[in-house]
Amino acid sequence: MAQTIALVVETGKDGRAMVVAEKGQGCGSCGAVSQCHGGRAARTEKMPAFNPVGAAVGDRVTLTVESGALLSRMAVLYLVPVFGMMTGAFMGALMSGGVDAAGSGQSVIFGLAGFILGFVFSVAVSRIWSTARPITPIITRIINARSVSASSRPSAGCGYGGN
């Protein structure tokens, strides 16, 4: 399960809370940090979360997202274009005289077209899933309860707020 630390900024009566999640625990450690969303200047993100533990405003909490939900969406986003590319390349090779044909340009063109079609399809499915069934994190643990004041700020790292 994917986990991160967040600060509760608003609670609702429907069992949800608005949290500000801290980015950076998993981001920034790979070589592609400048290319992906982890390289953005913003270090926090405000989002809704389920609140079964009853966290209050100002509490520092652990957010958890089920790995299965993330993996299924990543599989569609990554594997469908690859499958489209391989299918297109195979169809191009068959149209140019068989799989044994050497240096088939049709295979490359059909492979590229299959990749593009697969990518467009996977982005469309991903957007439909995001609106129909958004992934909402769950607050699984209260790290420390805080009193809300003008000077309260999240503590750095260790989870101890000095209360």
N, C-alpha and C. Protein backbone atom coordinates (compact mmCIF):
# COMPACT_ATOMS: atom_id res chain seq x y z
N MET A 1 0.83 -1.18 0.00
CA MET A 1 0.00 0.00 0.00
C MET A 1 0.88 1.24 0.00
N ALA A 2 0.46 2.22 -0.77
CA ALA A 2 1.18 3.49 -0.83
C ALA A 2 0.75 4.36 0.34
N GLN A 3 1.71 4.94 1.03
CA GLN A 3 1.41 5.77 2.20
C GLN A 3 2.17 7.08 2.11
N THR A 4 1.56 8.11 2.69
CA THR A 4 2.20 9.41 2.81
C THR A 4 1.67 10.09 4.07
N ILE A 5 2.28 11.19 4.44
CA ILE A 5 1.88 11.93 5.62
C ILE A 5 1.12 13.17 5.17
N ALA A 6 0.08 13.54 5.94
CA ALA A 6 -0.74 14.69 5.59
C ALA A 6 -1.18 15.42 6.85
N LEU A 7 -1.70 16.61 6.64
CA LEU A 7 -2.24 17.43 7.72
C LEU A 7 -3.71 17.67 7.42
N VAL A 8 -4.58 17.41 8.40
CA VAL A 8 -6.02 17.61 8.23
C VAL A 8 -6.30 19.10 8.34
N VAL A 9 -6.95 19.68 7.30
CA VAL A 9 -7.26 21.10 7.30
C VAL A 9 -8.75 21.37 7.41
N GLU A 10 -9.57 20.32 7.19
CA GLU A 10 -11.02 20.51 7.24
C GLU A 10 -11.66 19.14 7.42
N THR A 11 -12.71 19.07 8.23
CA THR A 11 -13.44 17.81 8.40
C THR A 11 -14.89 18.02 8.00
N GLY A 12 -15.52 16.93 7.55
CA GLY A 12 -16.92 16.98 7.18
C GLY A 12 -17.72 16.00 8.00
N LYS A 13 -19.01 16.14 7.98
CA LYS A 13 -19.88 15.25 8.74
C LYS A 13 -20.14 13.93 8.01
N ASP A 14 -19.70 13.84 6.77
CA ASP A 14 -19.93 12.65 5.96
C ASP A 14 -18.81 11.62 6.09
N GLY A 15 -17.92 11.78 7.06
CA GLY A 15 -16.83 10.83 7.26
C GLY A 15 -15.63 11.09 6.37
N ARG A 16 -15.57 12.27 5.82
CA ARG A 16 -14.44 12.66 4.98
C ARG A 16 -13.72 13.84 5.59
N ALA A 17 -12.51 14.05 5.14
CA ALA A 17 -11.72 15.19 5.59
C ALA A 17 -10.93 15.72 4.40
N MET A 18 -10.64 17.00 4.45
CA MET A 18 -9.76 17.61 3.45
C MET A 18 -8.38 17.65 4.07
N VAL A 19 -7.40 17.11 3.35
CA VAL A 19 -6.05 17.02 3.87
C VAL A 19 -5.07 17.68 2.91
N VAL A 20 -3.95 18.11 3.45
CA VAL A 20 -2.85 18.62 2.65
C VAL A 20 -1.74 17.59 2.77
N ALA A 21 -1.49 16.87 1.68
CA ALA A 21 -0.50 15.80 1.68
C ALA A 21 0.87 16.35 1.34
N GLU A 22 1.86 15.84 2.02
CA GLU A 22 3.24 16.24 1.78
C GLU A 22 3.82 15.37 0.67
N LYS A 23 4.34 16.01 -0.36
CA LYS A 23 5.02 15.27 -1.42
C LYS A 23 6.48 15.16 -1.07
N GLY A 24 7.15 14.25 -1.71
CA GLY A 24 8.59 14.21 -1.56
C GLY A 24 9.12 12.98 -0.88
N GLN A 25 8.28 12.18 -0.21
CA GLN A 25 8.82 11.00 0.44
C GLN A 25 9.23 9.95 -0.59
N GLY A 26 8.48 9.83 -1.66
CA GLY A 26 8.85 8.89 -2.71
C GLY A 26 9.38 9.61 -3.93
N CYS A 27 9.11 10.89 -4.02
CA CYS A 27 9.50 11.68 -5.19
C CYS A 27 10.91 12.21 -5.02
N GLY A 28 11.57 12.39 -6.09
CA GLY A 28 12.89 13.00 -6.06
C GLY A 28 14.01 11.99 -5.93
N SER A 29 13.69 10.72 -5.78
CA SER A 29 14.75 9.75 -5.59
C SER A 29 15.19 9.09 -6.89
N CYS A 30 14.44 9.29 -7.96
CA CYS A 30 14.84 8.65 -9.22
C CYS A 30 15.41 9.69 -10.18
N GLY A 31 15.97 9.23 -11.26
CA GLY A 31 16.60 10.11 -12.23
C GLY A 31 15.61 10.88 -13.08
N ALA A 32 14.33 10.51 -13.05
CA ALA A 32 13.33 11.16 -13.89
C ALA A 32 12.56 12.24 -13.15
N VAL A 33 13.06 12.71 -12.01
CA VAL A 33 12.33 13.67 -11.20
C VAL A 33 12.03 14.95 -11.96
N SER A 34 12.88 15.36 -12.88
CA SER A 34 12.63 16.58 -13.62
C SER A 34 11.59 16.38 -14.73
N GLN A 35 11.32 15.15 -15.09
CA GLN A 35 10.37 14.85 -16.16
C GLN A 35 8.97 14.53 -15.67
N CYS A 36 8.84 14.03 -14.45
CA CYS A 36 7.53 13.60 -13.96
C CYS A 36 6.92 14.68 -13.09
N HIS A 37 5.72 14.41 -12.59
CA HIS A 37 5.01 15.38 -11.76
C HIS A 37 5.70 15.60 -10.42
N GLY A 38 6.57 14.71 -10.01
CA GLY A 38 7.29 14.88 -8.76
C GLY A 38 8.26 16.05 -8.81
N GLY A 39 8.61 16.51 -10.01
CA GLY A 39 9.54 17.61 -10.14
C GLY A 39 8.90 18.97 -10.08
N ARG A 40 7.57 19.03 -9.86
CA ARG A 40 6.89 20.32 -9.77
C ARG A 40 7.34 21.07 -8.54
N ALA A 41 7.17 22.37 -8.58
CA ALA A 41 7.60 23.21 -7.48
C ALA A 41 6.75 22.99 -6.23
N ALA A 42 5.48 22.69 -6.39
CA ALA A 42 4.60 22.51 -5.24
C ALA A 42 5.01 21.28 -4.45
N ARG A 43 5.12 21.44 -3.15
CA ARG A 43 5.53 20.32 -2.29
C ARG A 43 4.34 19.72 -1.55
N THR A 44 3.15 20.31 -1.68
CA THR A 44 1.96 19.78 -1.02
C THR A 44 0.82 19.72 -2.01
N GLU A 45 -0.19 18.92 -1.68
CA GLU A 45 -1.36 18.80 -2.53
C GLU A 45 -2.58 18.64 -1.63
N LYS A 46 -3.61 19.45 -1.86
CA LYS A 46 -4.84 19.39 -1.09
C LYS A 46 -5.79 18.41 -1.75
N MET A 47 -6.36 17.49 -0.96
CA MET A 47 -7.23 16.47 -1.52
C MET A 47 -8.20 15.96 -0.46
N PRO A 48 -9.33 15.38 -0.88
CA PRO A 48 -10.25 14.76 0.08
C PRO A 48 -9.75 13.37 0.46
N ALA A 49 -10.13 12.93 1.66
CA ALA A 49 -9.76 11.60 2.13
C ALA A 49 -10.86 11.07 3.04
N PHE A 50 -11.01 9.74 3.07
CA PHE A 50 -11.93 9.11 4.00
C PHE A 50 -11.32 9.21 5.40
N ASN A 51 -12.17 9.42 6.40
CA ASN A 51 -11.69 9.66 7.75
C ASN A 51 -12.32 8.67 8.74
N PRO A 52 -12.01 7.37 8.66
CA PRO A 52 -12.62 6.42 9.59
C PRO A 52 -12.05 6.48 11.00
N VAL A 53 -10.89 7.12 11.19
CA VAL A 53 -10.27 7.17 12.52
C VAL A 53 -10.70 8.40 13.31
N GLY A 54 -11.46 9.30 12.71
CA GLY A 54 -11.96 10.47 13.40
C GLY A 54 -10.92 11.55 13.63
N ALA A 55 -10.04 11.76 12.68
CA ALA A 55 -9.03 12.80 12.81
C ALA A 55 -9.70 14.17 12.81
N ALA A 56 -9.13 15.09 13.58
CA ALA A 56 -9.67 16.45 13.69
C ALA A 56 -8.75 17.42 12.94
N VAL A 57 -9.24 18.64 12.76
CA VAL A 57 -8.46 19.67 12.09
C VAL A 57 -7.17 19.91 12.86
N GLY A 58 -6.06 19.91 12.15
CA GLY A 58 -4.75 20.12 12.76
C GLY A 58 -4.00 18.83 13.05
N ASP A 59 -4.66 17.68 12.94
CA ASP A 59 -3.99 16.40 13.19
C ASP A 59 -3.07 16.05 12.03
N ARG A 60 -1.93 15.50 12.37
CA ARG A 60 -1.00 14.96 11.39
C ARG A 60 -1.33 13.48 11.25
N VAL A 61 -1.59 13.04 10.02
CA VAL A 61 -2.12 11.69 9.80
C VAL A 61 -1.33 10.95 8.73
N THR A 62 -1.54 9.63 8.68
CA THR A 62 -0.99 8.81 7.62
C THR A 62 -2.10 8.50 6.63
N LEU A 63 -1.87 8.80 5.36
CA LEU A 63 -2.82 8.49 4.28
C LEU A 63 -2.37 7.22 3.59
N THR A 64 -3.34 6.36 3.26
CA THR A 64 -3.03 5.12 2.58
C THR A 64 -3.91 4.99 1.34
N VAL A 65 -3.31 4.54 0.25
CA VAL A 65 -4.05 4.25 -0.98
C VAL A 65 -3.80 2.78 -1.30
N GLU A 66 -4.85 2.06 -1.65
CA GLU A 66 -4.71 0.65 -1.98
C GLU A 66 -3.85 0.47 -3.22
N SER A 67 -2.92 -0.44 -3.14
CA SER A 67 -2.00 -0.69 -4.25
C SER A 67 -2.73 -1.23 -5.48
N GLY A 68 -3.75 -2.03 -5.26
CA GLY A 68 -4.49 -2.61 -6.39
C GLY A 68 -5.12 -1.56 -7.27
N ALA A 69 -5.66 -0.51 -6.68
CA ALA A 69 -6.28 0.56 -7.46
C ALA A 69 -5.23 1.28 -8.29
N LEU A 70 -4.08 1.54 -7.70
CA LEU A 70 -3.01 2.21 -8.44
C LEU A 70 -2.44 1.31 -9.54
N LEU A 71 -2.23 0.04 -9.22
CA LEU A 71 -1.63 -0.87 -10.20
C LEU A 71 -2.54 -1.10 -11.40
N SER A 72 -3.85 -1.21 -11.18
CA SER A 72 -4.74 -1.43 -12.32
C SER A 72 -4.75 -0.23 -13.26
N ARG A 73 -4.69 0.95 -12.70
CA ARG A 73 -4.66 2.15 -13.55
C ARG A 73 -3.32 2.32 -14.25
N MET A 74 -2.24 1.99 -13.56
CA MET A 74 -0.93 2.06 -14.20
C MET A 74 -0.81 1.01 -15.30
N ALA A 75 -1.40 -0.17 -15.09
CA ALA A 75 -1.35 -1.21 -16.11
C ALA A 75 -2.04 -0.75 -17.38
N VAL A 76 -3.19 -0.12 -17.25
CA VAL A 76 -3.88 0.38 -18.44
C VAL A 76 -3.05 1.45 -19.11
N LEU A 77 -2.50 2.35 -18.34
CA LEU A 77 -1.76 3.46 -18.91
C LEU A 77 -0.47 3.03 -19.60
N TYR A 78 0.18 1.98 -19.10
CA TYR A 78 1.45 1.55 -19.67
C TYR A 78 1.33 0.37 -20.62
N LEU A 79 0.52 -0.61 -20.27
CA LEU A 79 0.50 -1.84 -21.06
C LEU A 79 -0.34 -1.76 -22.33
N VAL A 80 -1.41 -0.97 -22.33
CA VAL A 80 -2.23 -0.87 -23.54
C VAL A 80 -1.44 -0.27 -24.70
N PRO A 81 -0.69 0.82 -24.53
CA PRO A 81 0.11 1.31 -25.66
C PRO A 81 1.17 0.32 -26.14
N VAL A 82 1.78 -0.40 -25.22
CA VAL A 82 2.78 -1.40 -25.62
C VAL A 82 2.12 -2.53 -26.40
N PHE A 83 0.95 -2.98 -25.93
CA PHE A 83 0.22 -4.01 -26.65
C PHE A 83 -0.18 -3.51 -28.04
N GLY A 84 -0.62 -2.24 -28.15
CA GLY A 84 -0.97 -1.66 -29.45
C GLY A 84 0.23 -1.59 -30.38
N MET A 85 1.39 -1.25 -29.83
CA MET A 85 2.60 -1.17 -30.65
C MET A 85 2.99 -2.56 -31.18
N MET A 86 2.94 -3.55 -30.30
CA MET A 86 3.33 -4.90 -30.73
C MET A 86 2.33 -5.47 -31.73
N THR A 87 1.06 -5.23 -31.52
CA THR A 87 0.04 -5.70 -32.46
C THR A 87 0.21 -5.02 -33.81
N GLY A 88 0.43 -3.70 -33.79
CA GLY A 88 0.63 -2.98 -35.04
C GLY A 88 1.88 -3.44 -35.78
N ALA A 89 2.97 -3.67 -35.05
CA ALA A 89 4.20 -4.13 -35.69
C ALA A 89 4.01 -5.51 -36.30
N PHE A 90 3.30 -6.38 -35.61
CA PHE A 90 3.05 -7.73 -36.13
C PHE A 90 2.17 -7.67 -37.38
N MET A 91 1.14 -6.80 -37.34
CA MET A 91 0.26 -6.67 -38.52
C MET A 91 1.03 -6.09 -39.70
N GLY A 92 1.91 -5.12 -39.44
CA GLY A 92 2.73 -4.55 -40.51
C GLY A 92 3.67 -5.57 -41.11
N ALA A 93 4.23 -6.44 -40.25
CA ALA A 93 5.13 -7.48 -40.75
C ALA A 93 4.35 -8.49 -41.59
N LEU A 94 3.16 -8.84 -41.18
CA LEU A 94 2.35 -9.78 -41.96
C LEU A 94 1.95 -9.18 -43.31
N MET A 95 1.65 -7.89 -43.33
CA MET A 95 1.25 -7.25 -44.59
C MET A 95 2.42 -7.09 -45.56
N SER A 96 3.63 -7.06 -45.05
CA SER A 96 4.79 -6.87 -45.92
C SER A 96 5.39 -8.19 -46.39
N GLY A 97 4.74 -9.28 -46.17
CA GLY A 97 5.24 -10.55 -46.69
C GLY A 97 5.58 -11.56 -45.62
N GLY A 98 5.17 -11.37 -44.43
CA GLY A 98 5.42 -12.36 -43.39
C GLY A 98 6.37 -11.84 -42.33
N VAL A 99 6.44 -12.59 -41.25
CA VAL A 99 7.27 -12.19 -40.12
C VAL A 99 8.75 -12.28 -40.46
N ASP A 100 9.13 -13.11 -41.41
CA ASP A 100 10.53 -13.29 -41.76
C ASP A 100 11.06 -12.20 -42.69
N ALA A 101 10.19 -11.29 -43.14
CA ALA A 101 10.64 -10.24 -44.05
C ALA A 101 11.61 -9.31 -43.32
N ALA A 102 12.77 -9.10 -43.94
CA ALA A 102 13.81 -8.29 -43.29
C ALA A 102 13.62 -6.82 -43.65
N GLY A 103 13.76 -5.94 -42.65
CA GLY A 103 13.74 -4.50 -42.87
C GLY A 103 12.41 -3.96 -43.32
N SER A 104 11.35 -4.39 -42.73
CA SER A 104 10.02 -3.95 -43.14
C SER A 104 9.70 -2.58 -42.57
N GLY A 105 9.50 -1.61 -43.43
CA GLY A 105 9.09 -0.28 -42.99
C GLY A 105 7.65 -0.25 -42.53
N GLN A 106 6.84 -1.15 -43.11
CA GLN A 106 5.44 -1.21 -42.69
C GLN A 106 5.32 -1.63 -41.24
N SER A 107 6.17 -2.48 -40.80
CA SER A 107 6.14 -2.93 -39.42
C SER A 107 6.39 -1.76 -38.46
N VAL A 108 7.33 -0.91 -38.81
CA VAL A 108 7.64 0.25 -37.97
C VAL A 108 6.47 1.23 -37.97
N ILE A 109 5.93 1.52 -39.15
CA ILE A 109 4.82 2.48 -39.26
C ILE A 109 3.59 1.96 -38.53
N PHE A 110 3.24 0.69 -38.73
CA PHE A 110 2.07 0.12 -38.06
C PHE A 110 2.30 0.04 -36.55
N GLY A 111 3.54 -0.24 -36.16
CA GLY A 111 3.85 -0.28 -34.73
C GLY A 111 3.68 1.07 -34.08
N LEU A 112 4.15 2.12 -34.74
CA LEU A 112 3.99 3.48 -34.23
C LEU A 112 2.51 3.87 -34.18
N ALA A 113 1.76 3.52 -35.22
CA ALA A 113 0.33 3.83 -35.23
C ALA A 113 -0.40 3.07 -34.12
N GLY A 114 -0.03 1.81 -33.91
CA GLY A 114 -0.63 1.04 -32.82
C GLY A 114 -0.31 1.62 -31.46
N PHE A 115 0.91 2.11 -31.28
CA PHE A 115 1.29 2.74 -30.02
C PHE A 115 0.48 4.00 -29.77
N ILE A 116 0.34 4.83 -30.80
CA ILE A 116 -0.41 6.08 -30.65
C ILE A 116 -1.88 5.79 -30.36
N LEU A 117 -2.48 4.85 -31.08
CA LEU A 117 -3.88 4.49 -30.81
C LEU A 117 -4.04 3.91 -29.40
N GLY A 118 -3.11 3.08 -28.99
CA GLY A 118 -3.17 2.52 -27.64
C GLY A 118 -3.02 3.59 -26.59
N PHE A 119 -2.15 4.56 -26.83
CA PHE A 119 -1.96 5.66 -25.88
C PHE A 119 -3.22 6.51 -25.76
N VAL A 120 -3.82 6.85 -26.90
CA VAL A 120 -5.06 7.65 -26.89
C VAL A 120 -6.16 6.89 -26.16
N PHE A 121 -6.28 5.60 -26.42
CA PHE A 121 -7.29 4.77 -25.75
C PHE A 121 -7.05 4.72 -24.25
N SER A 122 -5.80 4.52 -23.84
CA SER A 122 -5.52 4.41 -22.41
C SER A 122 -5.73 5.73 -21.68
N VAL A 123 -5.44 6.86 -22.32
CA VAL A 123 -5.69 8.17 -21.70
C VAL A 123 -7.20 8.39 -21.56
N ALA A 124 -7.97 8.01 -22.58
CA ALA A 124 -9.43 8.16 -22.50
C ALA A 124 -10.01 7.31 -21.38
N VAL A 125 -9.57 6.06 -21.28
CA VAL A 125 -10.06 5.18 -20.22
C VAL A 125 -9.63 5.71 -18.86
N SER A 126 -8.42 6.21 -18.74
CA SER A 126 -7.93 6.76 -17.49
C SER A 126 -8.76 7.96 -17.04
N ARG A 127 -9.12 8.82 -17.96
CA ARG A 127 -9.94 9.99 -17.62
C ARG A 127 -11.34 9.58 -17.21
N ILE A 128 -11.90 8.59 -17.88
CA ILE A 128 -13.23 8.10 -17.51
C ILE A 128 -13.19 7.51 -16.11
N TRP A 129 -12.17 6.69 -15.81
CA TRP A 129 -12.02 6.11 -14.47
C TRP A 129 -11.85 7.18 -13.42
N SER A 130 -11.08 8.22 -13.73
CA SER A 130 -10.81 9.27 -12.75
C SER A 130 -12.08 10.01 -12.35
N THR A 131 -12.99 10.22 -13.29
CA THR A 131 -14.24 10.91 -12.95
C THR A 131 -15.28 9.95 -12.37
N ALA A 132 -15.33 8.73 -12.87
CA ALA A 132 -16.35 7.78 -12.40
C ALA A 132 -15.97 7.15 -11.07
N ARG A 133 -14.73 6.77 -10.91
CA ARG A 133 -14.26 6.11 -9.68
C ARG A 133 -12.92 6.70 -9.25
N PRO A 134 -12.93 7.90 -8.67
CA PRO A 134 -11.65 8.49 -8.26
C PRO A 134 -11.02 7.70 -7.11
N ILE A 135 -9.71 7.69 -7.09
CA ILE A 135 -8.99 7.03 -6.01
C ILE A 135 -8.94 8.02 -4.84
N THR A 136 -9.61 7.65 -3.75
CA THR A 136 -9.64 8.50 -2.57
C THR A 136 -8.81 7.84 -1.48
N PRO A 137 -7.80 8.53 -0.97
CA PRO A 137 -6.99 7.95 0.10
C PRO A 137 -7.80 7.81 1.40
N ILE A 138 -7.30 6.95 2.27
CA ILE A 138 -7.95 6.69 3.55
C ILE A 138 -6.98 7.10 4.66
N ILE A 139 -7.49 7.82 5.65
CA ILE A 139 -6.68 8.15 6.82
C ILE A 139 -6.63 6.91 7.69
N THR A 140 -5.46 6.32 7.85
CA THR A 140 -5.34 5.07 8.59
C THR A 140 -4.80 5.25 10.00
N ARG A 141 -4.16 6.40 10.27
CA ARG A 141 -3.56 6.56 11.59
C ARG A 141 -3.35 8.04 11.88
N ILE A 142 -3.59 8.41 13.12
CA ILE A 142 -3.28 9.77 13.56
C ILE A 142 -1.87 9.72 14.16
N ILE A 143 -0.95 10.46 13.55
CA ILE A 143 0.43 10.47 14.03
C ILE A 143 0.52 11.28 15.31
N ASN A 144 -0.02 12.49 15.27
CA ASN A 144 -0.09 13.28 16.49
C ASN A 144 -1.25 14.25 16.38
N ALA A 145 -1.97 14.41 17.47
CA ALA A 145 -3.07 15.36 17.53
C ALA A 145 -2.50 16.72 17.87
N ARG A 146 -2.98 17.74 17.19
CA ARG A 146 -2.46 19.08 17.39
C ARG A 146 -3.60 20.02 17.73
N SER A 147 -3.30 21.04 18.46
CA SER A 147 -4.26 22.11 18.65
C SER A 147 -4.05 23.12 17.53
N VAL A 148 -5.11 23.63 16.99
CA VAL A 148 -5.01 24.55 15.86
C VAL A 148 -4.80 25.96 16.40
N SER A 149 -3.76 26.58 15.96
CA SER A 149 -3.49 27.98 16.29
C SER A 149 -2.86 28.64 15.09
N ALA A 150 -2.66 29.92 15.18
CA ALA A 150 -2.09 30.66 14.05
C ALA A 150 -0.66 30.24 13.78
N SER A 151 0.03 29.76 14.81
CA SER A 151 1.43 29.42 14.62
C SER A 151 1.66 27.93 14.43
N SER A 152 0.60 27.13 14.32
CA SER A 152 0.82 25.68 14.17
C SER A 152 1.24 25.38 12.75
N ARG A 153 2.34 24.68 12.65
CA ARG A 153 2.86 24.26 11.36
C ARG A 153 3.25 22.80 11.50
N PRO A 154 3.22 22.04 10.40
CA PRO A 154 3.64 20.64 10.48
C PRO A 154 5.09 20.54 10.92
N SER A 155 5.37 19.57 11.79
CA SER A 155 6.75 19.35 12.19
C SER A 155 7.51 18.66 11.07
N ALA A 156 8.79 18.75 11.07
CA ALA A 156 9.60 18.21 9.99
C ALA A 156 10.03 16.79 10.30
N GLY A 157 9.42 15.85 9.62
CA GLY A 157 9.95 14.49 9.59
C GLY A 157 9.59 13.52 10.64
N CYS A 158 9.88 13.73 11.90
CA CYS A 158 9.82 12.65 12.87
C CYS A 158 8.42 12.37 13.38
N GLY A 159 7.46 13.21 13.12
CA GLY A 159 6.10 12.96 13.57
C GLY A 159 5.83 13.50 14.95
N TYR A 160 6.82 14.08 15.62
CA TYR A 160 6.61 14.66 16.94
C TYR A 160 6.40 16.14 16.77
N GLY A 161 5.27 16.63 17.18
CA GLY A 161 4.95 18.04 16.98
C GLY A 161 5.32 18.91 18.14
N GLY A 162 5.85 18.37 19.21
CA GLY A 162 6.27 19.17 20.34
C GLY A 162 5.13 19.55 21.27
N ASN A 163 3.99 18.87 21.19
CA ASN A 163 2.86 19.17 22.07
C ASN A 163 3.02 18.52 23.41
